[in-house]
Amino acid sequence: MNTNEIYQSLGISPKVLNFCKEVEESLKSRFEQIDQTAEYNQMKVIKAMQDNRVSDVHFAATTGYGYNDLGRDTLEQVYANLFHTEAALVRPNLISGTHALHIALSGNLRPGDELLSPVGKPYDTLEEVIGIRESSGSLKEYGVSYRQVDLLEDGTFDYENIEAAIHENTKMATIQRSKGYDPRPTFSVEQIGELIRFIKKKKPDIICMVDNCYGEFVEKIEPTDVGADIIVGSLIKNPGGGLAPIGGYIAGKKEWIERASYRLSAPGLGKEVGASLGLNTAFYQGLFLAPTVVASALKGAIFAANVYEKLGYAVVPDSKEERFDIIQAITFGNPESVIAFCQGIQAAAPVDSFVTPEPWDMPGYDAPVIMAAGAFVQGSSIELSADGPIKPPYAVYFQGGLTWYHAKLGVMMSLQKIADKKLLFIP
């Protein structure tokens, strides 16, 4: 059985296969550029591990309080070195990106402080954390106010209104790097640096926090290289490399990381406690693999953009744009195509390929959401996945792929499912 035949045995028709092969041939130079960035970032990770003398003793498990967990403490120093920060929290009990952001926010904001989002509405699950949507335990309940400045129509920063929004009580600015459920451009690290410099020129003591989810290792630099005080992310996204089974990180200036650690554990305890429970090996090895895994996901995103743009759909980023995260948004304009796309991604999975995803009312969202992910780790966005809210403009958000070949299969299978339902025509 040759390669084409095995694709056909998985359900890919010759028409879809030939169409996608033509698109792939046009992307060789783009893929070479991605590999060059991955090589650079791989060396950065290795250097951070070598500088901290990582050894197999750091893979030992701790239990209970986790006092003197050498592996945990060294891993946090590796992250600090890698992101050029003073300190870091890298913990399995940071259960998601939303949780890590909540800890960073609530650890550093006090009653009377105001949180500013200069990039418009944050990701849906943060709305209840902040109190945009009423929820028990929100920042709003604790006396923290919130203000946002929407982006301009072209997706750029509204500097005039950002300047007007900053006042005496503005304690923190939160900058979401990736698009969330909004088909806007993702911000480059350079753009984030420009925004931070503008904000700090107006009020130097503002804490600038960047939600770095989906962006790690996409570029050669990170937001902390351009002035971010704190960056936050999830280990079941980019930096976990597909091996971390849970976890998140918060990296930045020592004072702000310590405050976050007191919220994560308890005042007076902070970073000194928290057993690693045998997860250190996965955290170290996942970080080691992360640059090449991110490269695979980027190739899949670019491939998807080119496939669907060629068929006439609006895609963000477009087929030729530079990439600043691993997410590809595709606007279909109808719910049926969003559902068929996600069902194709599920059908391409190594795990639960036989499951048919359907939209449902997920906690934290204001509309039914469909999610496809046949993953080894539940909810792992660095593994091949797709999701989207079932509401206008009916866009799907595709990301991940531990290998390029799996990402490629996912895109082809999504196209196959939509074509089978006669929702598009393949020339």
Protein backbone atom coordinates (compact mmCIF):
# COMPACT_ATOMS: atom_id res chain seq x y z
CA MET A 1 0.00 0.00 0.00
CA ASN A 2 1.50 3.36 -1.02
CA THR A 3 0.94 6.72 0.73
CA ASN A 4 -1.99 7.75 -1.45
CA GLU A 5 -3.67 4.42 -0.86
CA ILE A 6 -3.35 4.65 2.90
CA TYR A 7 -4.88 8.13 2.84
CA GLN A 8 -7.75 6.70 0.81
CA SER A 9 -8.15 3.87 3.34
CA LEU A 10 -8.65 6.59 5.97
CA GLY A 11 -11.49 8.10 3.93
CA ILE A 12 -9.75 10.78 1.85
CA SER A 13 -10.98 10.83 -1.74
CA PRO A 14 -8.56 11.18 -4.68
CA LYS A 15 -10.11 14.57 -5.49
CA VAL A 16 -9.39 15.97 -2.00
CA LEU A 17 -5.96 14.34 -1.97
CA ASN A 18 -4.92 15.87 -5.30
CA PHE A 19 -6.27 19.31 -4.40
CA CYS A 20 -4.39 19.34 -1.09
CA LYS A 21 -1.19 17.96 -2.62
CA GLU A 22 -1.11 20.89 -5.04
CA VAL A 23 -1.49 23.33 -2.12
CA GLU A 24 1.25 21.59 -0.12
CA GLU A 25 3.73 21.83 -3.01
CA SER A 26 3.38 25.63 -2.95
CA LEU A 27 4.37 25.89 0.72
CA LYS A 28 7.91 24.49 0.79
CA SER A 29 9.66 27.82 1.28
CA ARG A 30 7.22 28.82 4.07
CA PHE A 31 7.87 25.55 5.86
CA GLU A 32 11.64 26.09 5.65
CA GLN A 33 11.25 29.43 7.45
CA ILE A 34 9.24 27.76 10.21
CA ASP A 35 11.95 25.13 10.64
CA GLN A 36 14.58 27.85 11.00
CA THR A 37 12.63 29.48 13.84
CA ALA A 38 12.12 26.08 15.47
CA GLU A 39 15.86 25.39 15.33
CA TYR A 40 16.61 28.73 17.02
CA ASN A 41 14.04 28.13 19.76
CA GLN A 42 15.23 24.55 20.26
CA MET A 43 18.70 25.88 21.02
CA LYS A 44 17.20 28.42 23.45
CA VAL A 45 15.48 25.63 25.38
CA ILE A 46 18.60 23.46 25.46
CA LYS A 47 20.71 26.37 26.69
CA ALA A 48 18.25 27.17 29.49
CA MET A 49 18.32 23.53 30.59
CA GLN A 50 22.09 23.29 30.42
CA ASP A 51 22.58 26.59 32.26
CA ASN A 52 20.48 25.19 35.11
CA ARG A 53 22.34 21.85 35.11
CA VAL A 54 19.20 19.77 34.61
CA SER A 55 19.81 16.18 35.72
CA ASP A 56 17.75 13.04 36.23
CA VAL A 57 17.56 13.92 39.93
CA HIS A 58 15.15 16.67 38.88
CA PHE A 59 12.66 14.07 37.62
CA ALA A 60 12.03 12.62 41.09
CA ALA A 61 8.48 12.81 42.46
CA THR A 62 7.45 14.65 45.60
CA THR A 63 4.21 14.31 47.56
CA GLY A 64 2.37 16.07 50.35
CA TYR A 65 3.51 19.66 50.89
CA GLY A 66 6.28 19.37 48.33
CA TYR A 67 8.89 21.16 50.41
CA ASN A 68 12.35 21.28 48.81
CA ASP A 69 11.16 19.98 45.43
CA LEU A 70 14.41 20.47 43.53
CA GLY A 71 12.92 19.44 40.19
CA ARG A 72 10.06 21.93 40.49
CA ASP A 73 12.30 24.78 41.57
CA THR A 74 14.83 24.11 38.81
CA LEU A 75 12.11 23.88 36.17
CA GLU A 76 10.82 27.27 37.25
CA GLN A 77 14.30 28.70 36.88
CA VAL A 78 14.54 27.14 33.41
CA TYR A 79 11.34 28.96 32.45
CA ALA A 80 12.63 32.20 33.96
CA ASN A 81 15.86 31.92 31.98
CA LEU A 82 14.04 30.97 28.80
CA PHE A 83 11.66 33.95 29.00
CA HIS A 84 14.33 36.31 30.43
CA THR A 85 12.39 37.00 33.62
CA GLU A 86 13.27 37.18 37.29
CA ALA A 87 11.00 34.34 38.39
CA ALA A 88 8.36 31.86 37.27
CA LEU A 89 5.60 29.61 38.58
CA VAL A 90 5.27 26.33 36.67
CA ARG A 91 2.76 24.13 38.45
CA PRO A 92 0.41 21.21 37.82
CA ASN A 93 -2.20 22.89 40.02
CA LEU A 94 -2.46 25.72 37.50
CA ILE A 95 -5.08 23.70 35.68
CA SER A 96 -5.59 25.83 32.56
CA GLY A 97 -4.67 29.07 30.89
CA THR A 98 -7.81 30.69 32.36
CA HIS A 99 -6.86 29.52 35.85
CA ALA A 100 -3.29 30.80 35.48
CA LEU A 101 -4.60 34.19 34.30
CA HIS A 102 -7.02 34.28 37.24
CA ILE A 103 -4.18 33.63 39.68
CA ALA A 104 -1.99 36.33 38.10
CA LEU A 105 -4.85 38.84 38.12
CA SER A 106 -6.28 38.16 41.56
CA GLY A 107 -2.80 37.90 43.10
CA ASN A 108 -1.83 41.37 41.94
CA LEU A 109 -5.06 43.39 41.98
CA ARG A 110 -6.62 44.85 45.12
CA PRO A 111 -9.97 46.52 45.91
CA GLY A 112 -10.08 49.91 44.21
CA ASP A 113 -7.68 48.92 41.43
CA GLU A 114 -8.75 48.96 37.82
CA LEU A 115 -7.89 46.43 35.12
CA LEU A 116 -7.56 47.75 31.57
CA SER A 117 -7.82 45.69 28.40
CA PRO A 118 -6.45 47.87 25.58
CA VAL A 119 -7.16 45.13 23.01
CA GLY A 120 -10.92 44.79 23.31
CA LYS A 121 -12.93 42.01 24.89
CA PRO A 122 -10.87 39.15 26.36
CA TYR A 123 -11.42 35.46 25.72
CA ASP A 124 -14.87 34.23 26.73
CA THR A 125 -13.80 32.29 29.84
CA LEU A 126 -12.21 35.43 31.34
CA GLU A 127 -15.48 37.36 31.25
CA GLU A 128 -16.68 35.70 34.46
CA VAL A 129 -13.21 35.93 36.05
CA ILE A 130 -13.27 39.69 35.52
CA GLY A 131 -16.99 40.17 36.15
CA ILE A 132 -18.02 41.29 32.67
CA ARG A 133 -20.59 38.53 33.05
CA GLU A 134 -21.77 38.21 36.64
CA SER A 135 -20.17 35.30 38.50
CA SER A 136 -19.47 34.37 42.08
CA GLY A 137 -15.88 35.17 43.06
CA SER A 138 -15.16 37.52 40.15
CA LEU A 139 -12.71 40.41 40.41
CA LYS A 140 -15.70 42.73 40.29
CA GLU A 141 -17.07 41.17 43.51
CA TYR A 142 -13.75 42.00 45.19
CA GLY A 143 -13.90 45.66 44.18
CA VAL A 144 -11.69 45.55 41.10
CA SER A 145 -13.12 47.61 38.25
CA TYR A 146 -12.63 46.92 34.56
CA ARG A 147 -12.31 49.05 31.48
CA GLN A 148 -11.64 48.09 27.87
CA VAL A 149 -10.69 49.91 24.71
CA ASP A 150 -11.81 48.19 21.55
CA LEU A 151 -9.51 47.79 18.60
CA LEU A 152 -9.93 50.00 15.55
CA GLU A 153 -11.78 48.55 12.57
CA ASP A 154 -8.50 47.48 10.95
CA GLY A 155 -7.51 45.48 14.06
CA THR A 156 -4.90 47.97 15.30
CA PHE A 157 -4.63 49.68 18.69
CA ASP A 158 -6.75 52.74 19.41
CA TYR A 159 -3.94 54.73 21.03
CA GLU A 160 -6.02 57.88 21.54
CA ASN A 161 -8.66 56.12 23.62
CA ILE A 162 -6.09 53.91 25.39
CA GLU A 163 -4.34 57.04 26.63
CA ALA A 164 -7.67 58.49 27.78
CA ALA A 165 -8.57 55.25 29.62
CA ILE A 166 -5.44 55.23 31.80
CA HIS A 167 -5.91 57.03 35.10
CA GLU A 168 -4.72 56.96 38.71
CA ASN A 169 -6.39 53.65 39.64
CA THR A 170 -5.29 51.75 36.52
CA LYS A 171 -3.11 49.07 38.13
CA MET A 172 -2.78 46.49 35.36
CA ALA A 173 -3.15 46.21 31.60
CA THR A 174 -3.99 42.76 30.25
CA ILE A 175 -3.01 42.11 26.64
CA GLN A 176 -4.34 39.01 24.90
CA ARG A 177 -1.83 38.00 22.25
CA SER A 178 -4.01 35.54 20.37
CA LYS A 179 -7.42 36.12 18.80
CA GLY A 180 -9.71 33.99 20.98
CA TYR A 181 -13.17 33.63 19.41
CA ASP A 182 -12.70 36.78 17.36
CA PRO A 183 -11.41 36.66 13.78
CA ARG A 184 -9.02 39.55 14.38
CA PRO A 185 -5.29 39.49 13.69
CA THR A 186 -3.05 38.04 16.39
CA PHE A 187 -0.50 40.53 17.70
CA SER A 188 3.19 40.08 17.01
CA VAL A 189 5.65 40.40 19.87
CA GLU A 190 6.89 43.60 18.24
CA GLN A 191 3.35 45.08 18.25
CA ILE A 192 2.89 44.09 21.89
CA GLY A 193 6.17 45.80 22.75
CA GLU A 194 5.03 48.98 21.02
CA LEU A 195 1.77 48.94 23.00
CA ILE A 196 3.56 48.33 26.31
CA ARG A 197 5.97 51.21 25.69
CA PHE A 198 3.03 53.51 24.96
CA ILE A 199 1.17 52.47 28.12
CA LYS A 200 4.22 52.80 30.36
CA LYS A 201 5.06 56.22 28.92
CA LYS A 202 1.64 57.35 30.16
CA LYS A 203 1.88 55.55 33.53
CA PRO A 204 5.23 53.80 34.24
CA ASP A 205 4.02 51.76 37.21
CA ILE A 206 1.25 49.88 35.36
CA ILE A 207 1.77 46.12 35.41
CA CYS A 208 1.59 44.89 31.81
CA MET A 209 0.47 41.27 31.64
CA VAL A 210 0.33 39.29 28.41
CA ASP A 211 -1.89 36.27 27.86
CA ASN A 212 0.72 34.32 25.89
CA CYS A 213 -1.47 31.30 25.13
CA TYR A 214 -0.91 29.81 21.65
CA GLY A 215 2.06 32.11 21.01
CA GLU A 216 5.07 30.51 22.70
CA PHE A 217 7.92 29.58 20.30
CA VAL A 218 6.11 30.92 17.23
CA GLU A 219 8.63 33.77 17.07
CA LYS A 220 12.24 33.97 18.23
CA ILE A 221 11.33 36.42 21.01
CA GLU A 222 8.60 36.50 23.65
CA PRO A 223 6.63 39.40 25.18
CA THR A 224 8.94 39.57 28.20
CA ASP A 225 11.73 40.48 25.78
CA VAL A 226 9.86 43.67 24.87
CA GLY A 227 8.73 44.95 28.26
CA ALA A 228 5.93 42.67 29.52
CA ASP A 229 6.01 42.41 33.33
CA ILE A 230 4.14 39.09 33.38
CA ILE A 231 3.36 36.44 30.78
CA VAL A 232 0.90 33.62 31.35
CA GLY A 233 0.22 30.38 29.51
CA SER A 234 -0.99 26.79 29.65
CA LEU A 235 1.20 23.70 29.53
CA ILE A 236 -1.40 21.81 27.49
CA LYS A 237 -0.82 24.38 24.80
CA ASN A 238 2.55 25.24 23.21
CA PRO A 239 5.15 24.93 26.01
CA GLY A 240 4.01 21.50 27.20
CA GLY A 241 5.00 19.98 23.86
CA GLY A 242 2.09 17.53 23.96
CA LEU A 243 3.57 15.63 26.93
CA ALA A 244 2.48 17.78 29.87
CA PRO A 245 -0.79 16.24 31.12
CA ILE A 246 -1.86 19.42 32.97
CA GLY A 247 -0.36 22.66 34.18
CA GLY A 248 0.29 26.31 33.53
CA TYR A 249 2.99 28.92 33.97
CA ILE A 250 3.29 32.52 35.09
CA ALA A 251 6.65 34.21 34.45
CA GLY A 252 7.79 37.75 35.14
CA LYS A 253 9.16 40.11 37.74
CA LYS A 254 9.81 38.51 41.12
CA GLU A 255 7.42 40.74 43.08
CA TRP A 256 4.44 39.96 40.85
CA ILE A 257 5.21 36.23 40.70
CA GLU A 258 5.43 36.02 44.49
CA ARG A 259 2.06 37.71 44.83
CA ALA A 260 0.56 35.25 42.36
CA SER A 261 2.08 32.36 44.32
CA TYR A 262 0.40 33.56 47.54
CA ARG A 263 -2.93 33.41 45.75
CA LEU A 264 -2.17 29.97 44.32
CA SER A 265 -1.23 28.43 47.68
CA ALA A 266 -1.69 30.69 50.72
CA PRO A 267 -0.23 33.90 52.17
CA GLY A 268 3.09 33.08 53.80
CA LEU A 269 3.51 29.84 51.84
CA GLY A 270 3.76 30.96 48.24
CA LYS A 271 6.21 29.08 46.04
CA GLU A 272 7.62 26.97 48.89
CA VAL A 273 4.87 24.36 48.66
CA GLY A 274 3.24 22.32 45.93
CA ALA A 275 4.26 18.75 45.21
CA SER A 276 5.14 17.85 41.61
CA LEU A 277 3.59 14.35 41.98
CA GLY A 278 5.92 12.73 39.44
CA LEU A 279 5.05 15.13 36.60
CA ASN A 280 8.44 16.80 36.30
CA THR A 281 9.72 14.44 33.59
CA ALA A 282 6.75 15.24 31.35
CA PHE A 283 7.15 18.96 32.01
CA TYR A 284 10.87 18.96 31.17
CA GLN A 285 10.60 16.69 28.16
CA GLY A 286 7.51 18.48 26.85
CA LEU A 287 9.34 21.80 27.02
CA PHE A 288 12.28 20.22 25.21
CA LEU A 289 10.00 19.07 22.37
CA ALA A 290 7.88 22.23 22.27
CA PRO A 291 9.72 24.16 19.51
CA THR A 292 9.37 21.32 16.99
CA VAL A 293 5.79 20.55 18.01
CA VAL A 294 4.86 24.23 17.57
CA ALA A 295 6.50 24.14 14.14
CA SER A 296 4.25 21.23 13.17
CA ALA A 297 1.17 23.09 14.37
CA LEU A 298 2.21 26.20 12.41
CA LYS A 299 2.60 24.18 9.23
CA GLY A 300 -0.88 22.77 9.73
CA ALA A 301 -2.33 26.26 10.25
CA ILE A 302 -0.69 27.62 7.11
CA PHE A 303 -1.82 24.60 5.13
CA ALA A 304 -5.42 25.10 6.33
CA ALA A 305 -5.34 28.80 5.43
CA ASN A 306 -4.14 28.07 1.92
CA VAL A 307 -6.61 25.22 1.34
CA TYR A 308 -9.68 27.16 2.46
CA GLU A 309 -8.68 30.52 1.02
CA LYS A 310 -8.24 28.85 -2.36
CA LEU A 311 -11.84 27.65 -2.01
CA GLY A 312 -13.07 31.20 -1.41
CA TYR A 313 -13.41 31.38 2.38
CA ALA A 314 -12.25 34.26 4.58
CA VAL A 315 -9.29 33.13 6.70
CA VAL A 316 -7.38 34.90 9.48
CA PRO A 317 -4.43 35.04 9.11
CA ASP A 318 -4.63 34.89 5.34
CA SER A 319 -2.60 32.44 3.30
CA LYS A 320 0.48 34.67 2.98
CA GLU A 321 0.59 36.59 6.27
CA GLU A 322 3.31 36.15 8.86
CA ARG A 323 2.23 33.98 11.81
CA PHE A 324 2.19 35.04 15.45
CA ASP A 325 0.24 32.12 16.99
CA ILE A 326 -0.82 28.60 16.04
CA ILE A 327 -4.53 29.38 15.55
CA GLN A 328 -6.21 29.50 12.16
CA ALA A 329 -9.65 31.09 11.91
CA ILE A 330 -11.86 30.15 8.97
CA THR A 331 -15.21 31.90 8.50
CA PHE A 332 -17.81 29.70 6.85
CA GLY A 333 -20.91 31.85 7.33
CA ASN A 334 -23.13 28.91 8.27
CA PRO A 335 -23.30 26.53 11.23
CA GLU A 336 -23.42 23.36 9.11
CA SER A 337 -19.91 23.89 7.74
CA VAL A 338 -18.48 24.69 11.18
CA ILE A 339 -19.94 21.44 12.52
CA ALA A 340 -18.74 19.39 9.51
CA PHE A 341 -15.23 20.87 9.81
CA CYS A 342 -15.00 19.87 13.48
CA GLN A 343 -16.36 16.42 12.75
CA GLY A 344 -13.59 16.01 10.18
CA ILE A 345 -10.93 16.95 12.70
CA GLN A 346 -12.37 14.42 15.14
CA ALA A 347 -12.43 11.72 12.46
CA ALA A 348 -8.72 12.27 11.84
CA ALA A 349 -7.79 11.76 15.51
CA PRO A 350 -5.81 8.82 16.92
CA VAL A 351 -8.09 8.84 19.98
CA ASP A 352 -11.92 8.82 19.81
CA SER A 353 -11.99 9.05 16.02
CA PHE A 354 -15.34 7.23 16.11
CA VAL A 355 -16.98 10.01 18.17
CA THR A 356 -19.16 12.62 16.42
CA PRO A 357 -18.86 16.02 18.13
CA GLU A 358 -21.95 18.20 18.40
CA PRO A 359 -22.45 21.74 19.77
CA TRP A 360 -23.32 22.03 23.48
CA ASP A 361 -23.68 24.65 26.21
CA MET A 362 -20.21 24.66 27.75
CA PRO A 363 -19.58 26.46 31.07
CA GLY A 364 -18.02 29.88 30.57
CA TYR A 365 -19.42 30.53 27.09
CA ASP A 366 -22.42 32.60 25.96
CA ALA A 367 -23.42 30.37 23.00
CA PRO A 368 -23.30 26.65 22.18
CA VAL A 369 -19.76 25.58 21.33
CA ILE A 370 -18.54 22.64 19.27
CA MET A 371 -15.16 21.19 20.13
CA ALA A 372 -13.24 18.47 18.33
CA ALA A 373 -10.16 16.90 19.85
CA GLY A 374 -9.22 13.26 19.85
CA ALA A 375 -6.38 13.98 22.23
CA PHE A 376 -4.14 12.01 24.55
CA VAL A 377 -4.62 14.84 27.09
CA GLN A 378 -8.16 16.11 27.60
CA GLY A 379 -8.52 19.65 26.25
CA SER A 380 -4.95 19.81 24.96
CA SER A 381 -4.92 22.60 22.37
CA ILE A 382 -1.43 21.76 21.12
CA GLU A 383 -2.86 18.46 19.90
CA LEU A 384 -4.94 18.63 16.74
CA SER A 385 -8.20 20.33 17.62
CA ALA A 386 -10.87 22.67 16.35
CA ASP A 387 -13.66 24.55 18.02
CA GLY A 388 -16.01 27.44 17.58
CA PRO A 389 -19.15 29.07 18.94
CA ILE A 390 -22.32 28.40 16.98
CA LYS A 391 -23.15 32.04 16.36
CA PRO A 392 -22.46 34.56 13.57
CA PRO A 393 -20.14 34.89 11.74
CA TYR A 394 -19.90 31.08 12.12
CA ALA A 395 -16.13 30.83 12.24
CA VAL A 396 -14.10 27.81 13.29
CA TYR A 397 -10.77 27.99 15.10
CA PHE A 398 -8.27 25.29 14.16
CA GLN A 399 -5.01 24.66 16.01
CA GLY A 400 -2.43 22.12 17.01
CA GLY A 401 -0.90 18.98 15.63
CA LEU A 402 1.90 17.16 17.42
CA THR A 403 3.24 16.24 13.99
CA TRP A 404 2.84 17.97 10.64
CA TYR A 405 1.52 14.77 9.09
CA HIS A 406 -1.34 14.55 11.55
CA ALA A 407 -2.21 18.23 11.05
CA LYS A 408 -2.21 17.62 7.30
CA LEU A 409 -4.58 14.67 7.66
CA GLY A 410 -6.89 16.75 9.86
CA VAL A 411 -7.19 19.52 7.27
CA MET A 412 -7.86 17.01 4.49
CA MET A 413 -10.47 15.18 6.59
CA SER A 414 -12.22 18.45 7.45
CA LEU A 415 -12.41 19.26 3.76
CA GLN A 416 -13.69 15.77 3.00
CA LYS A 417 -16.52 16.01 5.54
CA ILE A 418 -17.68 19.40 4.24
CA ALA A 419 -17.51 18.18 0.64
CA ASP A 420 -19.44 15.02 1.54
CA LYS A 421 -22.28 17.21 2.83
CA LYS A 422 -22.18 19.16 -0.47
CA LEU A 423 -21.42 22.40 1.38
CA LEU A 424 -18.54 23.29 -0.93
CA PHE A 425 -17.23 22.45 -4.38
CA ILE A 426 -13.65 21.26 -4.96
CA PRO A 427 -12.43 22.31 -8.43
